[in-house]
Amino acid sequence: MRIGFDARMMTHPGIGRYIGCLLREMIKQAGKDEFLLFGDPEHLQEFRDNENVKLISWKAPVYSIKEQITLPYNAEKIDLLHVPHFNIPVFYRGKMVVTTHDLIYLLFAGSAPSALAKYYARFMIGTALKKAKGVIAVSKHTRDDLTKVFGSAYSDKIKVIYEAADKAFHQEDIAITDLVRRKYHLSDKVILYAGSVKPHKNVATLLKVYKLLKKWGAPHQLVIVGKWDKKENYLKPMMADENIRYLGEVPFEDLEALYCLSDVLVHLSLYEGFGLTVLEAMQCGTPVVVSEKTSLPEVAGEAALTVPPLNVEQIADSVFNVLVNSELRAGMIGAGLERAKQFSWERAARETLELYRSI
């Protein structure tokens, strides 16, 4: 096969992780299949030396008119095109696979930048369901959302293929975690949130939980890592506390160390299509307290404590138990490591290639 892959979002903090991890494993497994990667060659250098890879420069902005009218795929005579997001080429007539990560713009009020953006997302996802020969949903929850919003007519096209934590996430050497602790001036006791700071991530509730934990005597810092959304600017007065550290976006290797040095990851999101940080933390040996909403219980299984994401006192009680109960912590660490092993990019790549071949 000659497989075209839209890799323009390689540097995106979420979908970029999906693109990079999936491509690395598929290229290893592909044998004689050829991958044509469309995107910025500067962002795709790691794939340049693979014999079965061809990099094709295409820098049309995502969600733009240009990406719909400058289609480089036809000139390359590919057998199949994989678009890893809903921004498919509407006028492309070849065989296509599309990955749907979530339907947040349609199902979570205020998540779309505008009414027009919400309409665009609905139109594009619906068009992708109609045009694609195969649709990858990253969780059963996302598959069910697709059926709920667009009906069951396309359900036979939808295949659940789970994501996984990058292999690079693992239990780190103490010397490395100490370096990162000093770099960011962190205490010996840390509660971590990793992910973007957006309305659906429910950081406001986390801040209330943290305030209650401090009243109960928890000596921990709260460390928040991720890209800031200006819609959350109202949280800044709540974060004006010397014990709360907002680090912004951090390098990959620092994030790994932050997981390892933290006593618990708290993830109270109101909507997730998958929830990759849950598996990343588990793979680093960090206990997880997670929202009981959407895909998060599906990913976490029995290895995390699940909580109603708006019940401040119940969340605080669960987090406090993780912090003070060494037996509970040890059990959660072991269960988390085992849970993370149930997801792998090798499996995701194999199932994706199988889908390509079936098409």
Protein backbone atom coordinates (compact mmCIF):
# COMPACT_ATOMS: atom_id res chain seq x y z
CA MET A 1 0.00 0.00 0.00
CA ARG A 2 0.92 3.63 -0.47
CA ILE A 3 -0.51 5.26 2.65
CA GLY A 4 -0.95 9.00 2.86
CA PHE A 5 -1.00 10.50 6.35
CA ASP A 6 -1.88 14.10 7.22
CA ALA A 7 0.84 14.88 9.78
CA ARG A 8 0.45 18.67 9.93
CA MET A 9 -0.62 18.55 13.60
CA MET A 10 2.58 16.78 14.68
CA THR A 11 3.41 19.56 17.16
CA HIS A 12 -0.08 19.73 18.66
CA PRO A 13 0.04 18.80 22.38
CA GLY A 14 -2.74 16.20 22.10
CA ILE A 15 -3.24 15.02 18.54
CA GLY A 16 0.48 15.44 17.91
CA ARG A 17 1.21 12.77 20.53
CA TYR A 18 -1.24 10.48 18.75
CA ILE A 19 0.36 11.12 15.34
CA GLY A 20 3.93 10.60 16.53
CA CYS A 21 3.36 7.46 18.59
CA LEU A 22 1.11 5.81 16.00
CA LEU A 23 3.41 6.55 13.05
CA ARG A 24 6.53 5.27 14.83
CA GLU A 25 4.95 1.90 15.44
CA MET A 26 3.13 1.59 12.10
CA ILE A 27 6.30 2.35 10.15
CA LYS A 28 8.07 -0.43 12.06
CA GLN A 29 5.31 -2.93 11.33
CA ALA A 30 4.43 -1.89 7.79
CA GLY A 31 6.89 -4.09 5.90
CA LYS A 32 6.70 -3.15 2.22
CA ASP A 33 3.98 -0.56 2.73
CA GLU A 34 5.04 3.02 2.00
CA PHE A 35 4.08 6.04 4.11
CA LEU A 36 3.76 9.48 2.56
CA LEU A 37 3.69 12.04 5.37
CA PHE A 38 2.15 15.39 4.48
CA GLY A 39 3.21 18.29 6.71
CA ASP A 40 6.12 20.48 7.68
CA PRO A 41 9.31 18.43 7.03
CA GLU A 42 11.04 20.28 9.89
CA HIS A 43 8.57 18.70 12.33
CA LEU A 44 8.91 15.25 10.76
CA GLN A 45 12.70 14.85 10.75
CA GLU A 46 12.64 11.75 12.95
CA PHE A 47 10.99 9.81 10.09
CA ARG A 48 13.30 11.00 7.31
CA ASP A 49 15.73 8.07 7.39
CA ASN A 50 13.10 5.33 7.12
CA GLU A 51 13.25 3.62 3.73
CA ASN A 52 9.47 3.30 3.53
CA VAL A 53 8.76 6.98 4.32
CA LYS A 54 8.48 9.97 2.02
CA LEU A 55 8.08 13.47 3.46
CA ILE A 56 5.95 15.87 1.42
CA SER A 57 5.91 19.52 2.38
CA TRP A 58 2.37 20.79 2.93
CA LYS A 59 1.85 23.69 5.30
CA ALA A 60 -1.78 24.62 4.73
CA PRO A 61 -3.17 25.84 8.09
CA VAL A 62 -5.49 23.47 9.92
CA TYR A 63 -9.21 24.42 9.62
CA SER A 64 -8.42 26.73 6.70
CA ILE A 65 -9.92 27.14 3.23
CA LYS A 66 -6.44 26.49 1.86
CA GLU A 67 -6.40 22.93 3.20
CA GLN A 68 -9.57 22.26 1.20
CA ILE A 69 -8.39 23.64 -2.13
CA THR A 70 -4.68 22.70 -2.19
CA LEU A 71 -4.87 18.92 -2.12
CA PRO A 72 -1.43 17.32 -2.62
CA TYR A 73 -2.77 13.79 -2.26
CA ASN A 74 -3.98 13.26 -5.82
CA ALA A 75 -0.54 13.83 -7.36
CA GLU A 76 0.99 11.04 -5.24
CA LYS A 77 -1.37 8.22 -6.31
CA ILE A 78 -1.90 6.96 -2.77
CA ASP A 79 -4.07 3.92 -2.02
CA LEU A 80 -5.48 5.34 1.19
CA LEU A 81 -5.40 8.59 3.19
CA HIS A 82 -5.49 8.77 7.00
CA VAL A 83 -6.62 12.07 8.50
CA PRO A 84 -6.07 12.03 12.30
CA HIS A 85 -8.69 14.70 13.06
CA PHE A 86 -12.08 15.74 11.70
CA ASN A 87 -10.65 18.36 9.29
CA ILE A 88 -10.90 16.02 6.31
CA PRO A 89 -10.46 17.14 2.68
CA VAL A 90 -14.13 17.40 1.74
CA PHE A 91 -13.52 17.13 -2.01
CA TYR A 92 -11.06 14.22 -1.86
CA ARG A 93 -12.48 11.18 -3.65
CA GLY A 94 -10.02 8.50 -2.65
CA LYS A 95 -10.33 5.96 0.15
CA MET A 96 -9.98 7.57 3.55
CA VAL A 97 -9.69 6.74 7.26
CA VAL A 98 -10.41 9.42 9.85
CA THR A 99 -9.70 9.42 13.60
CA THR A 100 -12.28 10.99 15.93
CA HIS A 101 -10.85 11.86 19.34
CA ASP A 102 -13.94 13.43 20.90
CA LEU A 103 -17.08 15.44 20.20
CA ILE A 104 -16.39 18.13 22.78
CA TYR A 105 -17.28 21.03 20.47
CA LEU A 106 -20.73 19.53 20.03
CA LEU A 107 -21.41 18.20 23.52
CA PHE A 108 -19.77 20.57 25.99
CA ALA A 109 -21.26 24.05 26.13
CA GLY A 110 -18.78 26.83 25.52
CA SER A 111 -15.94 24.64 24.26
CA ALA A 112 -16.21 25.84 20.66
CA PRO A 113 -14.66 29.29 20.03
CA SER A 114 -17.88 30.45 18.36
CA ALA A 115 -21.24 29.30 17.03
CA LEU A 116 -19.66 29.13 13.58
CA ALA A 117 -16.87 26.87 14.88
CA LYS A 118 -19.45 24.54 16.42
CA TYR A 119 -21.35 24.40 13.13
CA TYR A 120 -18.10 23.75 11.25
CA ALA A 121 -17.18 20.89 13.61
CA ARG A 122 -20.61 19.29 13.26
CA PHE A 123 -20.54 19.59 9.48
CA MET A 124 -17.00 18.21 9.19
CA ILE A 125 -17.51 15.27 11.57
CA GLY A 126 -20.77 14.37 9.84
CA THR A 127 -19.09 14.61 6.43
CA ALA A 128 -16.19 12.47 7.66
CA LEU A 129 -18.62 9.76 8.78
CA LYS A 130 -20.22 9.77 5.33
CA LYS A 131 -17.05 9.89 3.22
CA ALA A 132 -14.58 7.77 5.19
CA LYS A 133 -14.30 4.06 4.58
CA GLY A 134 -13.22 3.62 8.19
CA VAL A 135 -13.58 5.75 11.32
CA ILE A 136 -11.29 5.22 14.31
CA ALA A 137 -12.74 6.17 17.70
CA VAL A 138 -10.14 6.35 20.48
CA SER A 139 -12.58 5.00 23.09
CA LYS A 140 -15.93 3.28 23.36
CA HIS A 141 -17.23 6.51 24.82
CA THR A 142 -16.27 8.44 21.68
CA ARG A 143 -17.85 5.72 19.52
CA ASP A 144 -21.06 6.00 21.55
CA ASP A 145 -21.02 9.81 21.25
CA LEU A 146 -20.77 9.51 17.46
CA THR A 147 -23.78 7.22 17.41
CA LYS A 148 -25.71 9.44 19.82
CA VAL A 149 -25.17 12.59 17.78
CA PHE A 150 -25.19 11.24 14.21
CA GLY A 151 -27.28 8.08 14.53
CA SER A 152 -26.42 4.42 14.02
CA ALA A 153 -26.29 4.46 10.21
CA TYR A 154 -22.48 4.66 10.25
CA SER A 155 -21.83 2.39 13.24
CA ASP A 156 -20.41 -0.41 11.05
CA LYS A 157 -17.63 1.93 9.93
CA ILE A 158 -16.51 2.82 13.46
CA LYS A 159 -13.71 0.84 15.08
CA VAL A 160 -12.43 1.50 18.60
CA ILE A 161 -8.63 1.59 18.68
CA TYR A 162 -7.23 2.72 22.01
CA GLU A 163 -4.34 5.10 22.50
CA ALA A 164 -1.55 4.39 25.00
CA ALA A 165 1.09 6.17 27.04
CA ASP A 166 4.35 6.84 25.24
CA LYS A 167 7.03 4.29 26.15
CA ALA A 168 9.21 7.15 27.35
CA PHE A 169 7.01 7.52 30.44
CA HIS A 170 8.36 5.26 33.17
CA GLN A 171 9.45 5.33 36.81
CA GLU A 172 12.37 7.77 36.86
CA ASP A 173 15.67 7.74 38.74
CA ILE A 174 15.51 9.84 41.93
CA ALA A 175 18.47 11.95 40.78
CA ILE A 176 16.52 13.06 37.69
CA THR A 177 13.36 13.87 39.60
CA ASP A 178 15.41 15.86 42.11
CA LEU A 179 16.88 17.93 39.27
CA VAL A 180 13.40 18.76 37.98
CA ARG A 181 12.19 19.46 41.52
CA ARG A 182 14.97 22.02 41.93
CA LYS A 183 14.42 23.44 38.44
CA TYR A 184 10.83 24.39 39.26
CA HIS A 185 11.42 25.06 42.98
CA LEU A 186 9.00 22.36 44.11
CA SER A 187 8.57 20.93 47.58
CA ASP A 188 8.99 17.29 48.55
CA LYS A 189 5.21 16.78 48.45
CA VAL A 190 3.27 17.50 45.27
CA ILE A 191 -0.29 17.08 44.02
CA LEU A 192 -0.22 17.27 40.21
CA TYR A 193 -2.65 18.26 37.49
CA ALA A 194 -1.41 17.76 33.91
CA GLY A 195 -3.47 18.93 30.95
CA SER A 196 -4.70 22.11 29.36
CA VAL A 197 -6.44 24.68 31.58
CA LYS A 198 -9.78 24.90 29.79
CA PRO A 199 -13.36 25.09 31.08
CA HIS A 200 -14.09 21.38 30.62
CA LYS A 201 -10.96 20.41 32.54
CA ASN A 202 -12.66 21.63 35.71
CA VAL A 203 -9.57 23.17 37.31
CA ALA A 204 -11.84 25.45 39.36
CA THR A 205 -13.07 22.44 41.35
CA LEU A 206 -9.49 21.22 41.80
CA LEU A 207 -8.57 24.57 43.37
CA LYS A 208 -11.49 24.27 45.80
CA VAL A 209 -10.43 20.72 46.64
CA TYR A 210 -6.89 21.89 47.29
CA LYS A 211 -8.09 24.65 49.62
CA LEU A 212 -9.99 22.05 51.65
CA LEU A 213 -6.97 19.72 51.74
CA LYS A 214 -4.85 22.54 53.17
CA LYS A 215 -7.48 23.05 55.89
CA TRP A 216 -7.14 19.37 56.71
CA GLY A 217 -3.38 19.77 57.11
CA ALA A 218 -2.02 18.40 53.83
CA PRO A 219 1.50 19.87 53.43
CA HIS A 220 1.51 19.50 49.64
CA GLN A 221 2.00 21.98 46.84
CA LEU A 222 -0.48 21.96 43.98
CA VAL A 223 1.36 21.92 40.65
CA ILE A 224 -0.59 22.67 37.45
CA VAL A 225 0.98 21.88 34.08
CA GLY A 226 -0.47 22.68 30.67
CA LYS A 227 -1.51 25.34 28.19
CA TRP A 228 -3.64 28.18 29.54
CA ASP A 229 -6.97 29.17 27.97
CA LYS A 230 -7.88 32.83 28.52
CA LYS A 231 -11.45 31.73 29.30
CA GLU A 232 -10.03 30.57 32.62
CA ASN A 233 -8.51 33.93 33.59
CA TYR A 234 -11.09 34.21 36.38
CA LEU A 235 -9.14 31.45 38.18
CA LYS A 236 -6.02 33.58 38.63
CA PRO A 237 -7.10 35.14 41.96
CA MET A 238 -7.79 31.62 43.28
CA MET A 239 -4.25 30.65 42.30
CA ALA A 240 -2.62 33.58 44.09
CA ASP A 241 -1.17 31.26 46.72
CA GLU A 242 2.50 30.52 47.32
CA ASN A 243 1.63 26.81 47.52
CA ILE A 244 0.07 26.72 44.04
CA ARG A 245 2.51 26.54 41.14
CA TYR A 246 1.40 27.00 37.53
CA LEU A 247 4.26 25.86 35.28
CA GLY A 248 2.63 26.28 31.87
CA GLU A 249 3.72 23.89 29.15
CA VAL A 250 6.89 21.96 30.04
CA PRO A 251 9.30 19.82 28.01
CA PHE A 252 8.39 16.17 27.57
CA GLU A 253 11.20 14.90 29.80
CA ASP A 254 10.22 17.32 32.57
CA LEU A 255 6.61 16.13 32.44
CA GLU A 256 7.80 12.56 32.93
CA ALA A 257 9.79 13.59 36.02
CA LEU A 258 6.84 15.62 37.36
CA TYR A 259 4.64 12.54 37.25
CA CYS A 260 7.30 10.57 39.10
CA LEU A 261 7.87 13.11 41.88
CA SER A 262 4.16 13.66 42.54
CA ASP A 263 2.20 11.84 45.23
CA VAL A 264 -0.99 11.84 43.17
CA LEU A 265 -2.39 13.01 39.83
CA VAL A 266 -5.87 14.54 40.14
CA HIS A 267 -7.86 14.71 36.90
CA LEU A 268 -11.41 16.05 37.34
CA SER A 269 -12.34 16.66 33.72
CA LEU A 270 -16.02 16.94 32.81
CA TYR A 271 -15.40 15.64 29.28
CA GLU A 272 -12.64 13.53 27.73
CA GLY A 273 -12.44 11.49 24.55
CA PHE A 274 -9.68 9.35 26.06
CA GLY A 275 -7.59 10.83 28.90
CA LEU A 276 -3.97 10.11 28.05
CA THR A 277 -2.47 11.74 31.14
CA VAL A 278 -4.15 9.07 33.28
CA LEU A 279 -2.11 6.30 31.63
CA GLU A 280 1.05 8.43 31.54
CA ALA A 281 0.86 8.93 35.30
CA MET A 282 0.10 5.26 35.96
CA GLN A 283 3.04 4.18 33.80
CA CYS A 284 5.26 6.39 35.97
CA GLY A 285 3.99 4.75 39.16
CA THR A 286 1.79 7.67 40.24
CA PRO A 287 -1.62 7.06 41.88
CA VAL A 288 -4.56 8.68 40.09
CA VAL A 289 -7.83 10.21 41.31
CA VAL A 290 -10.07 10.70 38.30
CA SER A 291 -13.50 11.98 37.33
CA GLU A 292 -16.22 9.37 36.91
CA LYS A 293 -17.40 11.13 33.74
CA THR A 294 -17.16 10.19 30.04
CA SER A 295 -14.17 8.07 28.94
CA LEU A 296 -12.06 8.37 32.09
CA PRO A 297 -13.39 5.31 33.99
CA GLU A 298 -13.05 3.30 30.76
CA VAL A 299 -9.36 4.14 30.59
CA ALA A 300 -8.55 4.02 34.31
CA GLY A 301 -10.43 0.81 35.06
CA GLU A 302 -10.12 -0.35 38.66
CA ALA A 303 -6.64 1.15 39.04
CA ALA A 304 -7.77 4.69 39.95
CA LEU A 305 -10.14 6.19 42.49
CA THR A 306 -13.13 7.62 40.59
CA VAL A 307 -15.04 10.58 42.00
CA PRO A 308 -18.01 12.78 41.06
CA PRO A 309 -16.12 15.72 39.54
CA LEU A 310 -18.10 18.52 41.25
CA ASN A 311 -18.31 17.06 44.76
CA VAL A 312 -15.50 18.97 46.48
CA GLU A 313 -15.65 17.19 49.83
CA GLN A 314 -15.78 13.68 48.36
CA ILE A 315 -12.89 14.43 46.02
CA ALA A 316 -10.84 15.90 48.85
CA ASP A 317 -11.56 12.84 51.00
CA SER A 318 -10.35 10.50 48.23
CA VAL A 319 -7.20 12.51 47.57
CA PHE A 320 -6.43 12.78 51.28
CA ASN A 321 -6.72 8.99 51.63
CA VAL A 322 -4.20 8.51 48.83
CA LEU A 323 -1.80 10.94 50.51
CA VAL A 324 -1.90 9.41 54.01
CA ASN A 325 -2.69 5.71 53.47
CA SER A 326 0.55 3.99 52.43
CA GLU A 327 -1.17 0.64 51.87
CA LEU A 328 -3.73 2.23 49.56
CA ARG A 329 -0.97 4.06 47.69
CA ALA A 330 1.07 0.91 47.17
CA GLY A 331 -1.95 -0.94 45.84
CA MET A 332 -2.84 1.86 43.45
CA ILE A 333 0.72 2.12 42.16
CA GLY A 334 0.84 -1.60 41.38
CA ALA A 335 -2.62 -1.62 39.83
CA GLY A 336 -1.78 1.46 37.74
CA LEU A 337 1.38 -0.09 36.34
CA GLU A 338 -0.59 -3.19 35.35
CA ARG A 339 -3.43 -1.14 33.88
CA ALA A 340 -1.05 0.86 31.69
CA LYS A 341 0.34 -2.37 30.24
CA GLN A 342 -3.08 -3.18 28.81
CA PHE A 343 -2.68 -0.30 26.34
CA SER A 344 0.14 -0.18 23.78
CA TRP A 345 0.99 1.69 20.61
CA GLU A 346 2.18 -1.61 19.08
CA ARG A 347 -1.38 -2.89 19.35
CA ALA A 348 -2.86 0.41 18.12
CA ALA A 349 -0.52 0.33 15.10
CA ARG A 350 -1.33 -3.30 14.31
CA GLU A 351 -5.08 -2.68 14.49
CA THR A 352 -4.79 0.49 12.40
CA LEU A 353 -2.80 -1.31 9.69
CA GLU A 354 -5.37 -4.10 9.73
CA LEU A 355 -8.08 -1.50 9.17
CA TYR A 356 -6.11 -0.02 6.24
CA ARG A 357 -5.75 -3.45 4.64
CA SER A 358 -9.41 -4.31 5.10
CA ILE A 359 -10.28 -1.12 3.21
